[in-house]
Amino acid sequence: MSASTGPVVIAGVITLFTDVIVLSKPLASDTRVIVGTSIAALGLFAIEQAAPTLAVTLSYLILVSVLFVRHDPNTLSPAEAFAAWYGK
């Protein structure tokens, strides 16, 4: 595995875990996350062949943005959801 695909796959797993386990959404509604994570990992792998530093920087930027930014205004970000889930 290249250096840029690890953080992207972790971001996809965090998104799936948050939606399915913490927010109790059905897994069938999150198939877009699996496809999007795969496409992003392949794209960053291709970019890494030409510009390794750029690809790794982008992959960590993706990871941080997935943790702290809401992808839907009506749902919590993973950091907010974990804080609420842990506080129960």
N, C-alpha and C. Protein backbone atom coordinates (compact mmCIF):
# COMPACT_ATOMS: atom_id res chain seq x y z
N MET A 1 0.86 -1.17 0.00
CA MET A 1 0.00 0.00 0.00
C MET A 1 0.90 1.23 0.00
N SER A 2 0.53 2.20 -0.77
CA SER A 2 1.31 3.43 -0.83
C SER A 2 1.01 4.32 0.38
N ALA A 3 1.82 5.34 0.56
CA ALA A 3 1.69 6.20 1.74
C ALA A 3 0.42 7.04 1.73
N SER A 4 -0.15 7.27 0.57
CA SER A 4 -1.33 8.14 0.51
C SER A 4 -2.65 7.38 0.63
N THR A 5 -2.65 6.08 0.41
CA THR A 5 -3.92 5.36 0.44
C THR A 5 -4.36 5.01 1.86
N GLY A 6 -3.43 4.87 2.78
CA GLY A 6 -3.79 4.52 4.16
C GLY A 6 -4.71 5.53 4.81
N PRO A 7 -4.35 6.83 4.83
CA PRO A 7 -5.25 7.81 5.44
C PRO A 7 -6.62 7.91 4.76
N VAL A 8 -6.66 7.69 3.45
CA VAL A 8 -7.94 7.76 2.74
C VAL A 8 -8.83 6.58 3.12
N VAL A 9 -8.24 5.40 3.22
CA VAL A 9 -9.02 4.23 3.63
C VAL A 9 -9.49 4.40 5.08
N ILE A 10 -8.65 4.94 5.94
CA ILE A 10 -9.06 5.20 7.33
C ILE A 10 -10.21 6.21 7.36
N ALA A 11 -10.17 7.23 6.51
CA ALA A 11 -11.26 8.20 6.45
C ALA A 11 -12.57 7.53 6.03
N GLY A 12 -12.49 6.62 5.07
CA GLY A 12 -13.69 5.88 4.66
C GLY A 12 -14.23 4.99 5.76
N VAL A 13 -13.34 4.33 6.48
CA VAL A 13 -13.77 3.47 7.59
C VAL A 13 -14.40 4.30 8.71
N ILE A 14 -13.82 5.45 9.00
CA ILE A 14 -14.39 6.32 10.03
C ILE A 14 -15.78 6.79 9.63
N THR A 15 -15.95 7.16 8.36
CA THR A 15 -17.25 7.59 7.88
C THR A 15 -18.28 6.47 7.98
N LEU A 16 -17.91 5.27 7.55
CA LEU A 16 -18.83 4.14 7.65
C LEU A 16 -19.15 3.81 9.11
N PHE A 17 -18.15 3.77 9.96
CA PHE A 17 -18.37 3.46 11.37
C PHE A 17 -19.31 4.48 12.02
N THR A 18 -19.08 5.74 11.72
CA THR A 18 -19.92 6.79 12.30
C THR A 18 -21.37 6.65 11.84
N ASP A 19 -21.56 6.46 10.55
CA ASP A 19 -22.93 6.39 10.03
C ASP A 19 -23.66 5.11 10.46
N VAL A 20 -22.97 3.97 10.42
CA VAL A 20 -23.65 2.70 10.66
C VAL A 20 -23.74 2.39 12.16
N ILE A 21 -22.65 2.54 12.89
CA ILE A 21 -22.64 2.14 14.31
C ILE A 21 -23.16 3.27 15.21
N VAL A 22 -22.59 4.46 15.06
CA VAL A 22 -22.92 5.55 15.99
C VAL A 22 -24.28 6.16 15.68
N LEU A 23 -24.55 6.45 14.40
CA LEU A 23 -25.80 7.10 14.02
C LEU A 23 -26.90 6.12 13.60
N SER A 24 -26.61 4.83 13.59
CA SER A 24 -27.58 3.75 13.31
C SER A 24 -28.27 3.88 11.95
N LYS A 25 -27.52 4.24 10.94
CA LYS A 25 -28.07 4.25 9.58
C LYS A 25 -27.84 2.88 8.95
N PRO A 26 -28.68 2.48 7.98
CA PRO A 26 -28.45 1.19 7.32
C PRO A 26 -27.21 1.23 6.43
N LEU A 27 -26.52 0.11 6.35
CA LEU A 27 -25.29 0.04 5.56
C LEU A 27 -25.56 0.24 4.07
N ALA A 28 -26.73 -0.15 3.62
CA ALA A 28 -27.06 -0.02 2.20
C ALA A 28 -27.06 1.43 1.74
N SER A 29 -27.31 2.36 2.66
CA SER A 29 -27.33 3.77 2.27
C SER A 29 -25.93 4.35 2.12
N ASP A 30 -24.91 3.62 2.56
CA ASP A 30 -23.54 4.13 2.53
C ASP A 30 -22.65 3.44 1.52
N THR A 31 -23.22 2.84 0.50
CA THR A 31 -22.37 2.22 -0.52
C THR A 31 -21.60 3.27 -1.31
N ARG A 32 -22.08 4.50 -1.33
CA ARG A 32 -21.35 5.58 -2.01
C ARG A 32 -20.02 5.84 -1.32
N VAL A 33 -19.97 5.66 -0.01
CA VAL A 33 -18.73 5.88 0.74
C VAL A 33 -17.67 4.88 0.31
N ILE A 34 -18.07 3.63 0.14
CA ILE A 34 -17.12 2.59 -0.27
C ILE A 34 -16.59 2.87 -1.67
N VAL A 35 -17.47 3.22 -2.58
CA VAL A 35 -17.05 3.52 -3.95
C VAL A 35 -16.18 4.79 -3.99
N GLY A 36 -16.60 5.82 -3.27
CA GLY A 36 -15.84 7.06 -3.25
C GLY A 36 -14.47 6.90 -2.62
N THR A 37 -14.39 6.11 -1.57
CA THR A 37 -13.09 5.85 -0.93
C THR A 37 -12.17 5.11 -1.89
N SER A 38 -12.70 4.14 -2.59
CA SER A 38 -11.88 3.38 -3.56
C SER A 38 -11.37 4.27 -4.68
N ILE A 39 -12.23 5.12 -5.21
CA ILE A 39 -11.83 6.02 -6.29
C ILE A 39 -10.79 7.03 -5.80
N ALA A 40 -11.00 7.57 -4.59
CA ALA A 40 -10.03 8.53 -4.03
C ALA A 40 -8.69 7.87 -3.78
N ALA A 41 -8.68 6.64 -3.27
CA ALA A 41 -7.42 5.94 -3.02
C ALA A 41 -6.68 5.66 -4.32
N LEU A 42 -7.41 5.25 -5.34
CA LEU A 42 -6.76 5.00 -6.63
C LEU A 42 -6.24 6.30 -7.25
N GLY A 43 -7.01 7.37 -7.13
CA GLY A 43 -6.56 8.65 -7.67
C GLY A 43 -5.33 9.18 -6.95
N LEU A 44 -5.31 9.05 -5.63
CA LEU A 44 -4.14 9.51 -4.89
C LEU A 44 -2.92 8.62 -5.14
N PHE A 45 -3.15 7.33 -5.39
CA PHE A 45 -2.04 6.45 -5.76
C PHE A 45 -1.43 6.90 -7.08
N ALA A 46 -2.28 7.29 -8.03
CA ALA A 46 -1.78 7.77 -9.32
C ALA A 46 -1.03 9.09 -9.16
N ILE A 47 -1.56 9.99 -8.34
CA ILE A 47 -0.89 11.27 -8.10
C ILE A 47 0.44 11.05 -7.39
N GLU A 48 0.48 10.05 -6.52
CA GLU A 48 1.70 9.80 -5.76
C GLU A 48 2.86 9.36 -6.65
N GLN A 49 2.55 8.80 -7.77
CA GLN A 49 3.62 8.40 -8.69
C GLN A 49 4.35 9.62 -9.25
N ALA A 50 3.63 10.72 -9.41
CA ALA A 50 4.23 11.94 -9.96
C ALA A 50 4.69 12.91 -8.87
N ALA A 51 3.89 13.07 -7.84
CA ALA A 51 4.20 14.04 -6.78
C ALA A 51 3.87 13.41 -5.43
N PRO A 52 4.82 12.69 -4.84
CA PRO A 52 4.53 11.96 -3.59
C PRO A 52 4.15 12.86 -2.42
N THR A 53 4.81 13.97 -2.26
CA THR A 53 4.52 14.85 -1.13
C THR A 53 3.12 15.44 -1.25
N LEU A 54 2.73 15.83 -2.44
CA LEU A 54 1.39 16.37 -2.67
C LEU A 54 0.32 15.34 -2.35
N ALA A 55 0.51 14.11 -2.79
CA ALA A 55 -0.49 13.06 -2.56
C ALA A 55 -0.64 12.75 -1.08
N VAL A 56 0.46 12.66 -0.37
CA VAL A 56 0.38 12.36 1.07
C VAL A 56 -0.27 13.52 1.81
N THR A 57 0.07 14.74 1.45
CA THR A 57 -0.53 15.92 2.08
C THR A 57 -2.04 15.95 1.84
N LEU A 58 -2.45 15.68 0.61
CA LEU A 58 -3.89 15.64 0.30
C LEU A 58 -4.61 14.54 1.07
N SER A 59 -3.96 13.39 1.22
CA SER A 59 -4.62 12.29 1.92
C SER A 59 -4.83 12.62 3.40
N TYR A 60 -3.85 13.26 4.03
CA TYR A 60 -4.05 13.66 5.42
C TYR A 60 -5.04 14.81 5.55
N LEU A 61 -5.11 15.68 4.57
CA LEU A 61 -6.12 16.73 4.56
C LEU A 61 -7.52 16.12 4.45
N ILE A 62 -7.66 15.09 3.65
CA ILE A 62 -8.94 14.38 3.55
C ILE A 62 -9.31 13.76 4.90
N LEU A 63 -8.35 13.14 5.55
CA LEU A 63 -8.61 12.51 6.85
C LEU A 63 -9.06 13.52 7.90
N VAL A 64 -8.38 14.64 7.98
CA VAL A 64 -8.74 15.66 8.96
C VAL A 64 -10.11 16.27 8.64
N SER A 65 -10.37 16.50 7.36
CA SER A 65 -11.67 17.10 7.00
C SER A 65 -12.81 16.12 7.25
N VAL A 66 -12.58 14.83 7.05
CA VAL A 66 -13.62 13.84 7.34
C VAL A 66 -13.92 13.81 8.84
N LEU A 67 -12.91 13.98 9.67
CA LEU A 67 -13.12 13.93 11.11
C LEU A 67 -13.91 15.11 11.64
N PHE A 68 -13.69 16.31 11.10
CA PHE A 68 -14.22 17.51 11.74
C PHE A 68 -15.27 18.27 10.93
N VAL A 69 -15.53 17.91 9.70
CA VAL A 69 -16.49 18.64 8.86
C VAL A 69 -17.73 17.77 8.65
N ARG A 70 -18.88 18.39 8.76
CA ARG A 70 -20.14 17.68 8.49
C ARG A 70 -20.31 17.48 6.99
N HIS A 71 -20.56 16.25 6.57
CA HIS A 71 -20.83 16.01 5.14
C HIS A 71 -22.30 16.18 4.81
N ASP A 72 -23.13 16.25 5.83
CA ASP A 72 -24.56 16.52 5.68
C ASP A 72 -24.94 17.48 6.80
N PRO A 73 -25.58 18.59 6.48
CA PRO A 73 -25.90 19.56 7.53
C PRO A 73 -26.79 19.01 8.64
N ASN A 74 -27.54 17.96 8.34
CA ASN A 74 -28.47 17.41 9.32
C ASN A 74 -27.86 16.33 10.21
N THR A 75 -26.63 15.90 9.92
CA THR A 75 -25.98 14.89 10.75
C THR A 75 -24.73 15.47 11.39
N LEU A 76 -24.26 14.80 12.41
CA LEU A 76 -23.07 15.26 13.12
C LEU A 76 -21.80 14.82 12.40
N SER A 77 -20.74 15.58 12.59
CA SER A 77 -19.45 15.14 12.08
C SER A 77 -18.99 13.97 12.95
N PRO A 78 -18.04 13.15 12.47
CA PRO A 78 -17.58 12.03 13.29
C PRO A 78 -17.07 12.45 14.66
N ALA A 79 -16.36 13.56 14.76
CA ALA A 79 -15.86 14.00 16.07
C ALA A 79 -17.03 14.36 17.00
N GLU A 80 -18.03 15.05 16.47
CA GLU A 80 -19.21 15.39 17.28
C GLU A 80 -20.01 14.14 17.66
N ALA A 81 -20.14 13.22 16.69
CA ALA A 81 -20.91 12.00 16.95
C ALA A 81 -20.22 11.13 17.99
N PHE A 82 -18.90 11.00 17.92
CA PHE A 82 -18.19 10.20 18.91
C PHE A 82 -18.28 10.84 20.29
N ALA A 83 -18.21 12.17 20.35
CA ALA A 83 -18.33 12.85 21.65
C ALA A 83 -19.71 12.64 22.25
N ALA A 84 -20.75 12.72 21.42
CA ALA A 84 -22.11 12.50 21.92
C ALA A 84 -22.33 11.03 22.29
N TRP A 85 -21.78 10.13 21.51
CA TRP A 85 -21.93 8.69 21.74
C TRP A 85 -21.18 8.28 23.00
N TYR A 86 -19.99 8.83 23.19
CA TYR A 86 -19.18 8.51 24.36
C TYR A 86 -19.78 9.10 25.63
N GLY A 87 -20.49 10.21 25.49
CA GLY A 87 -21.08 10.88 26.64
C GLY A 87 -22.35 10.24 27.15
N LYS A 88 -22.90 9.27 26.41
CA LYS A 88 -24.16 8.63 26.83
C LYS A 88 -23.94 7.76 28.05
